[in-house]
């Protein structure tokens, strides 16, 4: 097949790309303006790459990943998933891979490549440098003549790997530039929090502090960062302080997404497995080790958002469904009839007026030979050797009335 130079990387890629599409996966939001940002970047990436690019979402918005891939399946033979996530936390490590794995099972005729997150990239460092320069101009300071400190403020995560990358990004922004200091901080979940970081910087009496929200969109958390910078500016009159704009839809993000596309479609994706809490024991995160834990967390998380009235106050707070039921359909359980158990559970749940449960397939639950396995969350009850006739009892007793079917219990977590 003839080749041409890639508009992104300069590498040679096939010219006949009519049979390939890209799915740009964003988080998803109840605020449509945030979802439109993902769609805008998808349109920009389509112009850049010259192939179809659709937008899909992990949660809270449509289409979901499985819906988006199903929509592409009839038109192309290859889909490359590119993730619009800043760092590799649970969505990147668990939620998206699970959705991709399920899509591969649902569409065996389709080749699906899964790309990595945005991560650390020279284009992003360059973009942050420009965001800092804009704030310096607003404050009337110059890093070459004045002492200017910078705070890169991210959302914060329960994943130490993701938090570590924020510190790495701050260090890279400091390298080769005339900033007095560049510090990493977080608006929630972990430490150091923004207020703590700003007060610590004030002790050094810089001329100005530039706060950079490390966010894609201009949402609630970005506003909290701006409010934090304004409060600090009022409390410390001898230090000028202001917050900059988020990353937005700057064209430099297309440079990063293009590189992630090229890596994914050539099976060259690299992840930080040496510091992944799901794969190695890190101090304080020992209980998170194990692929099954990541998978189950992904299954329970992605359907855990419900409509609420306080979205503006807490945009990412979860209202979990009453139950999530995972039925193992891996080879051993499938041979023992798990597909029939799954369908009977779904039918019984539909017939029930009291049952509020999400019932899905699962890959291996690690109890081969004891199946079919049925796991009920958040109760942490795993039923083993479940027959088709047992499905209605699980629904009528456990899901409807909260009474565990004790003779079927294999293990509790």
Protein backbone atom coordinates (compact mmCIF):
# COMPACT_ATOMS: atom_id res chain seq x y z
CA UNK A 1 0.00 0.00 0.00
CA UNK A 2 1.31 3.44 -0.89
CA UNK A 3 2.33 5.70 1.94
CA UNK A 4 2.37 9.39 2.75
CA UNK A 5 3.87 11.58 5.43
CA UNK A 6 1.76 11.89 8.57
CA UNK A 7 0.56 15.48 9.20
CA UNK A 8 1.25 14.91 12.90
CA UNK A 9 4.43 12.88 13.29
CA UNK A 10 6.08 12.92 9.89
CA UNK A 11 5.97 9.10 9.82
CA UNK A 12 4.77 7.21 6.78
CA UNK A 13 1.18 6.07 7.11
CA UNK A 14 -1.20 4.42 4.64
CA UNK A 15 -2.91 6.84 2.26
CA UNK A 16 -6.04 4.68 2.10
CA UNK A 17 -7.47 5.41 5.52
CA UNK A 18 -11.14 5.34 4.49
CA UNK A 19 -11.63 2.20 6.56
CA UNK A 20 -10.26 3.68 9.79
CA UNK A 21 -11.90 5.95 12.33
CA UNK A 22 -10.90 7.54 15.62
CA UNK A 23 -12.99 7.72 18.78
CA UNK A 24 -11.98 10.62 21.01
CA UNK A 25 -13.09 9.71 24.52
CA UNK A 26 -13.79 12.48 27.00
CA UNK A 27 -14.96 12.19 30.59
CA UNK A 28 -18.45 13.50 30.02
CA UNK A 29 -20.31 16.15 31.97
CA UNK A 30 -23.82 17.26 32.87
CA UNK A 31 -22.71 20.64 31.51
CA UNK A 32 -23.14 20.53 27.77
CA UNK A 33 -20.45 23.16 27.24
CA UNK A 34 -17.85 20.71 28.55
CA UNK A 35 -19.10 18.01 26.18
CA UNK A 36 -19.00 20.47 23.30
CA UNK A 37 -15.31 21.03 24.02
CA UNK A 38 -14.68 17.33 23.39
CA UNK A 39 -16.67 17.50 20.16
CA UNK A 40 -14.77 20.60 19.07
CA UNK A 41 -11.45 18.86 19.62
CA UNK A 42 -12.77 15.81 17.75
CA UNK A 43 -13.63 18.02 14.78
CA UNK A 44 -10.19 19.61 14.91
CA UNK A 45 -8.49 16.23 15.08
CA UNK A 46 -10.53 15.05 12.08
CA UNK A 47 -9.28 18.02 10.08
CA UNK A 48 -5.75 17.33 11.24
CA UNK A 49 -5.68 13.59 10.50
CA UNK A 50 -7.94 13.51 7.48
CA UNK A 51 -10.00 10.55 8.77
CA UNK A 52 -13.34 10.39 10.61
CA UNK A 53 -13.15 11.28 14.31
CA UNK A 54 -16.18 10.81 16.57
CA UNK A 55 -16.57 11.86 20.21
CA UNK A 56 -17.62 9.49 22.98
CA UNK A 57 -17.84 9.74 26.76
CA UNK A 58 -16.97 7.63 29.78
CA UNK A 59 -20.05 8.75 31.71
CA UNK A 60 -22.66 11.47 32.14
CA UNK A 61 -23.02 12.20 28.41
CA UNK A 62 -23.91 10.48 25.15
CA UNK A 63 -22.81 8.60 23.22
CA UNK A 64 -21.10 6.22 25.61
CA UNK A 65 -18.00 4.37 24.43
CA UNK A 66 -19.92 1.23 23.51
CA UNK A 67 -22.60 3.25 21.70
CA UNK A 68 -20.01 5.22 19.75
CA UNK A 69 -18.08 2.12 18.70
CA UNK A 70 -21.31 0.37 17.70
CA UNK A 71 -22.11 3.36 15.50
CA UNK A 72 -18.74 3.10 13.76
CA UNK A 73 -18.71 -0.69 13.43
CA UNK A 74 -20.80 -0.79 10.29
CA UNK A 75 -18.69 1.75 8.44
CA UNK A 76 -15.07 0.88 9.21
CA UNK A 77 -12.95 -2.13 10.08
CA UNK A 78 -10.59 -0.37 12.50
CA UNK A 79 -11.22 2.08 15.35
CA UNK A 80 -8.50 3.78 17.37
CA UNK A 81 -9.59 5.03 20.79
CA UNK A 82 -7.77 8.22 21.85
CA UNK A 83 -8.30 9.38 25.42
CA UNK A 84 -8.84 13.01 26.35
CA UNK A 85 -7.71 12.49 29.96
CA UNK A 86 -4.95 14.56 31.48
CA UNK A 87 -3.38 11.81 33.59
CA UNK A 88 -3.53 8.04 33.98
CA UNK A 89 -5.88 7.46 36.89
CA UNK A 90 -8.75 4.99 37.22
CA UNK A 91 -10.66 6.10 34.12
CA UNK A 92 -7.61 5.49 31.93
CA UNK A 93 -6.45 2.34 33.70
CA UNK A 94 -9.80 0.67 34.34
CA UNK A 95 -12.94 2.24 32.88
CA UNK A 96 -11.87 2.78 29.28
CA UNK A 97 -9.98 -0.55 28.92
CA UNK A 98 -13.05 -2.39 30.24
CA UNK A 99 -15.31 -0.62 27.74
CA UNK A 100 -12.88 -1.39 24.91
CA UNK A 101 -12.66 -5.02 25.93
CA UNK A 102 -16.45 -5.32 25.92
CA UNK A 103 -16.62 -3.61 22.53
CA UNK A 104 -14.13 -6.09 21.10
CA UNK A 105 -16.34 -8.93 22.29
CA UNK A 106 -19.45 -7.29 20.86
CA UNK A 107 -17.79 -6.54 17.51
CA UNK A 108 -15.31 -9.33 16.74
CA UNK A 109 -15.06 -8.18 13.13
CA UNK A 110 -13.69 -4.81 14.28
CA UNK A 111 -10.05 -4.09 15.18
CA UNK A 112 -10.00 -1.69 18.13
CA UNK A 113 -6.79 -0.04 19.34
CA UNK A 114 -6.76 1.65 22.76
CA UNK A 115 -4.57 4.73 23.13
CA UNK A 116 -3.15 6.40 26.19
CA UNK A 117 -3.98 9.64 28.00
CA UNK A 118 -2.60 13.09 27.18
CA UNK A 119 0.09 12.77 29.85
CA UNK A 120 3.33 14.74 29.81
CA UNK A 121 4.08 16.23 26.40
CA UNK A 122 6.28 19.14 25.20
CA UNK A 123 3.28 20.78 23.52
CA UNK A 124 1.44 20.92 26.85
CA UNK A 125 4.44 22.42 28.61
CA UNK A 126 4.63 25.03 25.87
CA UNK A 127 0.91 25.74 26.26
CA UNK A 128 1.27 26.22 30.03
CA UNK A 129 4.18 28.60 29.42
CA UNK A 130 1.92 30.74 27.25
CA UNK A 131 -0.86 30.64 29.83
CA UNK A 132 1.64 31.88 32.45
CA UNK A 133 2.85 34.67 30.16
CA UNK A 134 -0.73 35.90 29.73
CA UNK A 135 -1.17 36.17 33.51
CA UNK A 136 2.19 37.95 33.84
CA UNK A 137 0.99 40.53 31.31
CA UNK A 138 -2.24 40.95 33.26
CA UNK A 139 -0.31 41.52 36.51
CA UNK A 140 2.28 43.78 34.90
CA UNK A 141 5.28 41.63 35.81
CA UNK A 142 8.09 40.04 33.83
CA UNK A 143 9.73 36.80 34.91
CA UNK A 144 13.12 38.00 33.65
CA UNK A 145 13.04 41.12 35.83
CA UNK A 146 10.69 40.18 38.67
CA UNK A 147 10.47 37.18 40.98
CA UNK A 148 7.52 35.22 39.59
CA UNK A 149 6.34 31.98 41.18
CA UNK A 150 3.98 29.59 39.42
CA UNK A 151 1.51 27.05 40.81
CA UNK A 152 0.28 24.27 38.54
CA UNK A 153 -3.03 23.30 40.15
CA UNK A 154 -4.65 20.00 39.14
CA UNK A 155 -7.82 18.28 40.26
CA UNK A 156 -6.13 15.70 42.47
CA UNK A 157 -6.57 11.94 42.36
CA UNK A 158 -6.58 8.86 44.57
CA UNK A 159 -3.99 7.43 42.17
CA UNK A 160 -0.43 8.30 43.25
CA UNK A 161 0.86 7.81 39.72
CA UNK A 162 -1.39 10.58 38.39
CA UNK A 163 -0.47 12.93 41.25
CA UNK A 164 3.21 12.28 40.64
CA UNK A 165 2.84 13.39 37.03
CA UNK A 166 1.55 16.78 38.20
CA UNK A 167 4.83 17.31 40.04
CA UNK A 168 6.76 16.19 36.97
CA UNK A 169 4.86 18.63 34.79
CA UNK A 170 5.62 21.47 37.22
CA UNK A 171 9.31 20.61 37.15
CA UNK A 172 9.39 20.55 33.34
CA UNK A 173 7.73 23.97 33.26
CA UNK A 174 10.48 25.24 35.55
CA UNK A 175 13.35 23.87 33.44
CA UNK A 176 14.98 26.48 31.21
CA UNK A 177 12.63 29.27 32.25
CA UNK A 178 13.22 32.26 34.48
CA UNK A 179 10.52 31.52 37.02
CA UNK A 180 11.55 31.95 40.64
CA UNK A 181 9.75 28.72 41.54
CA UNK A 182 7.16 26.33 40.09
CA UNK A 183 5.09 24.25 42.51
CA UNK A 184 2.49 21.52 42.03
CA UNK A 185 -0.79 21.71 43.94
CA UNK A 186 -4.31 20.28 43.96
CA UNK A 187 -7.82 21.61 44.38
CA UNK A 188 -9.10 18.43 46.04
CA UNK A 189 -8.64 14.75 46.96
CA UNK A 190 -4.96 14.94 47.83
CA UNK A 191 -2.29 17.31 49.15
CA UNK A 192 -0.82 19.88 49.01
CA UNK A 193 -3.98 21.87 48.51
CA UNK A 194 -3.90 25.19 46.69
CA UNK A 195 -4.31 27.42 49.77
CA UNK A 196 -1.46 25.65 51.56
CA UNK A 197 0.84 25.98 48.55
CA UNK A 198 0.07 29.68 48.11
CA UNK A 199 0.69 30.49 51.77
CA UNK A 200 4.00 28.64 51.63
CA UNK A 201 5.07 30.61 48.55
CA UNK A 202 4.13 33.88 50.27
CA UNK A 203 6.89 33.30 52.83
CA UNK A 204 9.43 33.80 50.05
CA UNK A 205 7.87 37.18 49.19
CA UNK A 206 7.82 36.86 45.39
CA UNK A 207 6.64 39.79 43.33
CA UNK A 208 3.85 37.73 41.78
CA UNK A 209 2.25 34.31 41.88
CA UNK A 210 0.74 32.87 38.70
CA UNK A 211 -1.81 30.08 39.27
CA UNK A 212 -2.37 27.78 36.29
CA UNK A 213 -5.52 25.62 36.43
CA UNK A 214 -4.50 22.30 34.93
CA UNK A 215 -7.96 21.56 33.61
CA UNK A 216 -9.36 21.06 30.15
CA UNK A 217 -12.54 23.07 30.64
CA UNK A 218 -13.75 26.17 32.42
CA UNK A 219 -15.97 24.46 35.01
CA UNK A 220 -16.60 24.43 38.74
CA UNK A 221 -13.11 23.34 39.74
CA UNK A 222 -11.49 26.00 37.57
CA UNK A 223 -13.67 28.60 39.27
CA UNK A 224 -12.54 27.32 42.66
CA UNK A 225 -8.94 27.76 41.59
CA UNK A 226 -9.66 31.32 40.46
CA UNK A 227 -11.40 32.03 43.75
CA UNK A 228 -8.41 30.64 45.66
CA UNK A 229 -6.02 32.90 43.75
CA UNK A 230 -8.26 35.93 44.33
CA UNK A 231 -8.51 35.21 48.07
CA UNK A 232 -4.74 34.91 48.30
CA UNK A 233 -4.29 38.16 46.37
CA UNK A 234 -6.51 39.96 48.87
CA UNK A 235 -4.80 38.45 51.93
CA UNK A 236 -1.26 39.24 50.75
CA UNK A 237 -1.20 42.78 49.31
CA UNK A 238 2.57 42.62 48.79
CA UNK A 239 2.19 39.73 46.29
CA UNK A 240 0.27 40.16 43.05
CA UNK A 241 -1.63 36.97 42.20
CA UNK A 242 -4.06 35.78 39.56
CA UNK A 243 -5.16 32.57 37.87
CA UNK A 244 -4.89 31.81 34.18
CA UNK A 245 -7.14 30.03 31.74
CA UNK A 246 -7.51 26.23 31.44
CA UNK A 247 -6.13 24.34 28.45
CA UNK A 248 -9.34 24.72 26.47
CA UNK A 249 -9.26 23.69 22.81
CA UNK A 250 -5.84 25.04 21.92
CA UNK A 251 -4.44 23.52 18.71
CA UNK A 252 -1.43 22.21 20.61
CA UNK A 253 -3.70 19.61 22.19
CA UNK A 254 -4.23 18.28 18.67
CA UNK A 255 -0.46 17.74 18.45
CA UNK A 256 -0.62 15.56 21.54
CA UNK A 257 -3.75 13.69 20.43
CA UNK A 258 -2.17 13.04 17.04
CA UNK A 259 0.86 11.49 18.69
CA UNK A 260 -1.36 9.35 20.92
CA UNK A 261 -3.31 8.20 17.84
CA UNK A 262 -0.15 7.20 16.02
CA UNK A 263 1.17 5.28 19.03
CA UNK A 264 -2.12 3.42 19.52
CA UNK A 265 -2.65 2.38 15.91
CA UNK A 266 0.90 1.00 15.75
CA UNK A 267 0.56 -0.81 19.10
CA UNK A 268 3.26 1.40 20.63
CA UNK A 269 1.38 2.60 23.71
CA UNK A 270 3.48 2.81 26.85
CA UNK A 271 1.98 3.00 30.33
CA UNK A 272 3.67 3.62 33.68
CA UNK A 273 3.18 0.06 34.95
CA UNK A 274 6.09 0.31 37.42
CA UNK A 275 4.12 2.83 39.49
CA UNK A 276 0.57 1.60 38.83
CA UNK A 277 -1.29 0.96 42.09
CA UNK A 278 -3.26 -1.85 40.43
CA UNK A 279 -0.08 -3.75 39.51
CA UNK A 280 2.51 -3.13 42.24
CA UNK A 281 2.29 -2.65 45.99
CA UNK A 282 2.75 1.01 46.80
CA UNK A 283 2.80 2.15 50.41
CA UNK A 284 -0.71 3.04 51.45
CA UNK A 285 -2.33 1.47 48.39
CA UNK A 286 -1.71 -2.22 49.03
CA UNK A 287 -5.41 -3.10 48.93
CA UNK A 288 -5.75 -1.77 45.37
CA UNK A 289 -3.36 -4.31 43.85
CA UNK A 290 -4.97 -6.76 41.42
CA UNK A 291 -6.55 -6.48 37.99
CA UNK A 292 -9.88 -7.86 39.22
CA UNK A 293 -10.21 -4.99 41.71
CA UNK A 294 -9.63 -2.43 38.97
CA UNK A 295 -12.14 -4.17 36.71
CA UNK A 296 -14.85 -4.38 39.37
CA UNK A 297 -14.26 -0.79 40.36
CA UNK A 298 -14.74 0.21 36.72
CA UNK A 299 -17.99 -1.72 36.41
CA UNK A 300 -19.49 -0.20 39.54
CA UNK A 301 -18.18 3.31 38.84
CA UNK A 302 -19.32 3.98 35.31
CA UNK A 303 -23.03 3.67 36.17
CA UNK A 304 -22.79 5.38 39.54
CA UNK A 305 -23.78 8.90 38.50
CA UNK A 306 -27.37 9.98 38.94
CA UNK A 307 -29.18 13.24 38.23
CA UNK A 308 -28.94 15.62 41.17
CA UNK A 309 -29.91 19.19 41.98
CA UNK A 310 -26.51 20.23 43.38
CA UNK A 311 -24.38 19.66 40.26
CA UNK A 312 -22.85 23.14 40.43
CA UNK A 313 -21.63 22.56 43.98
CA UNK A 314 -20.28 19.04 43.55
CA UNK A 315 -20.05 18.15 39.85
CA UNK A 316 -18.47 14.74 40.36
CA UNK A 317 -20.20 13.46 43.48
CA UNK A 318 -21.64 9.98 43.03
CA UNK A 319 -25.09 8.70 43.81
CA UNK A 320 -24.48 4.98 43.39
CA UNK A 321 -27.16 2.65 42.04
CA UNK A 322 -28.64 0.30 44.60
CA UNK A 323 -26.93 -2.77 43.13
CA UNK A 324 -24.56 -3.71 40.35
CA UNK A 325 -24.53 -7.39 39.39
CA UNK A 326 -21.60 -8.83 37.43
CA UNK A 327 -21.95 -12.23 35.80
CA UNK A 328 -18.73 -13.94 34.75
CA UNK A 329 -18.93 -14.98 31.10
CA UNK A 330 -15.34 -16.11 30.73
CA UNK A 331 -14.68 -19.48 29.10
CA UNK A 332 -15.11 -21.75 32.14
CA UNK A 333 -18.25 -20.07 33.46
CA UNK A 334 -19.68 -19.82 29.94
CA UNK A 335 -19.29 -23.58 29.53
CA UNK A 336 -21.27 -24.02 32.76
CA UNK A 337 -24.18 -21.92 31.50
CA UNK A 338 -23.43 -18.38 32.67
CA UNK A 339 -25.05 -16.82 29.58
CA UNK A 340 -28.39 -18.38 30.53
CA UNK A 341 -27.94 -17.20 34.13
CA UNK A 342 -27.27 -13.66 32.89
CA UNK A 343 -30.40 -13.55 30.76
CA UNK A 344 -32.57 -15.04 33.50
CA UNK A 345 -31.25 -12.43 35.99
CA UNK A 346 -32.05 -9.63 33.57
CA UNK A 347 -35.53 -10.97 32.93
CA UNK A 348 -36.26 -11.39 36.63
CA UNK A 349 -35.01 -7.85 37.30
CA UNK A 350 -37.26 -6.47 34.56
CA UNK A 351 -40.25 -8.33 36.00
CA UNK A 352 -39.60 -7.03 39.51
CA UNK A 353 -41.18 -3.82 40.79
CA UNK A 354 -38.63 -3.49 43.61
CA UNK A 355 -35.33 -4.36 41.93
CA UNK A 356 -33.01 -1.45 41.11
CA UNK A 357 -29.91 -3.07 39.64
CA UNK A 358 -27.55 -2.89 36.72
CA UNK A 359 -26.77 -6.41 35.46
CA UNK A 360 -23.77 -6.80 33.13
CA UNK A 361 -21.32 -9.30 31.78
CA UNK A 362 -17.86 -9.57 33.36
CA UNK A 363 -14.61 -11.11 32.28
CA UNK A 364 -12.90 -13.59 34.62
CA UNK A 365 -13.62 -13.05 38.32
CA UNK A 366 -10.79 -15.36 39.34
CA UNK A 367 -12.93 -18.23 40.68
CA UNK A 368 -12.62 -20.65 37.77
CA UNK A 369 -14.21 -24.02 38.54
CA UNK A 370 -16.65 -22.56 41.07
CA UNK A 371 -18.94 -20.94 38.52
CA UNK A 372 -21.07 -19.67 37.07
CA UNK A 373 -20.08 -16.75 39.31
CA UNK A 374 -22.41 -13.84 40.12
CA UNK A 375 -21.02 -10.85 42.06
CA UNK A 376 -23.40 -8.40 43.74
CA UNK A 377 -22.13 -4.92 44.61
CA UNK A 378 -21.88 -2.84 46.72
CA UNK A 379 -22.71 -5.73 49.07
CA UNK A 380 -19.55 -7.62 48.08
CA UNK A 381 -21.37 -10.95 47.88
CA UNK A 382 -20.18 -13.46 45.29
CA UNK A 383 -22.46 -16.37 44.46
CA UNK A 384 -20.94 -19.54 43.00
CA UNK A 385 -22.23 -22.55 41.08
CA UNK A 386 -25.31 -20.52 40.15
CA UNK A 387 -27.86 -22.36 38.02
CA UNK A 388 -30.38 -20.72 35.74
CA UNK A 389 -33.12 -21.60 38.20
CA UNK A 390 -31.26 -19.73 40.99
CA UNK A 391 -31.45 -16.39 39.19
CA UNK A 392 -34.97 -15.56 40.28
CA UNK A 393 -34.09 -16.26 43.92
CA UNK A 394 -31.12 -13.89 43.75
CA UNK A 395 -33.42 -11.17 42.43
CA UNK A 396 -36.45 -11.79 44.64
CA UNK A 397 -34.47 -12.32 47.86
CA UNK A 398 -31.22 -10.37 47.59
CA UNK A 399 -31.94 -7.57 45.11
CA UNK A 400 -35.58 -7.01 46.10
CA UNK A 401 -35.43 -7.50 49.87
CA UNK A 402 -31.76 -7.48 50.87
CA UNK A 403 -31.78 -11.12 52.01
CA UNK A 404 -28.66 -12.99 50.97
CA UNK A 405 -29.21 -16.42 49.43
CA UNK A 406 -26.83 -18.08 51.87
CA UNK A 407 -26.60 -21.53 50.30
CA UNK A 408 -25.25 -19.98 47.05
CA UNK A 409 -22.60 -17.76 48.65
CA UNK A 410 -19.08 -18.54 47.47
CA UNK A 411 -17.20 -15.64 49.10
CA UNK A 412 -17.86 -12.23 50.62
CA UNK A 413 -15.56 -9.22 50.33
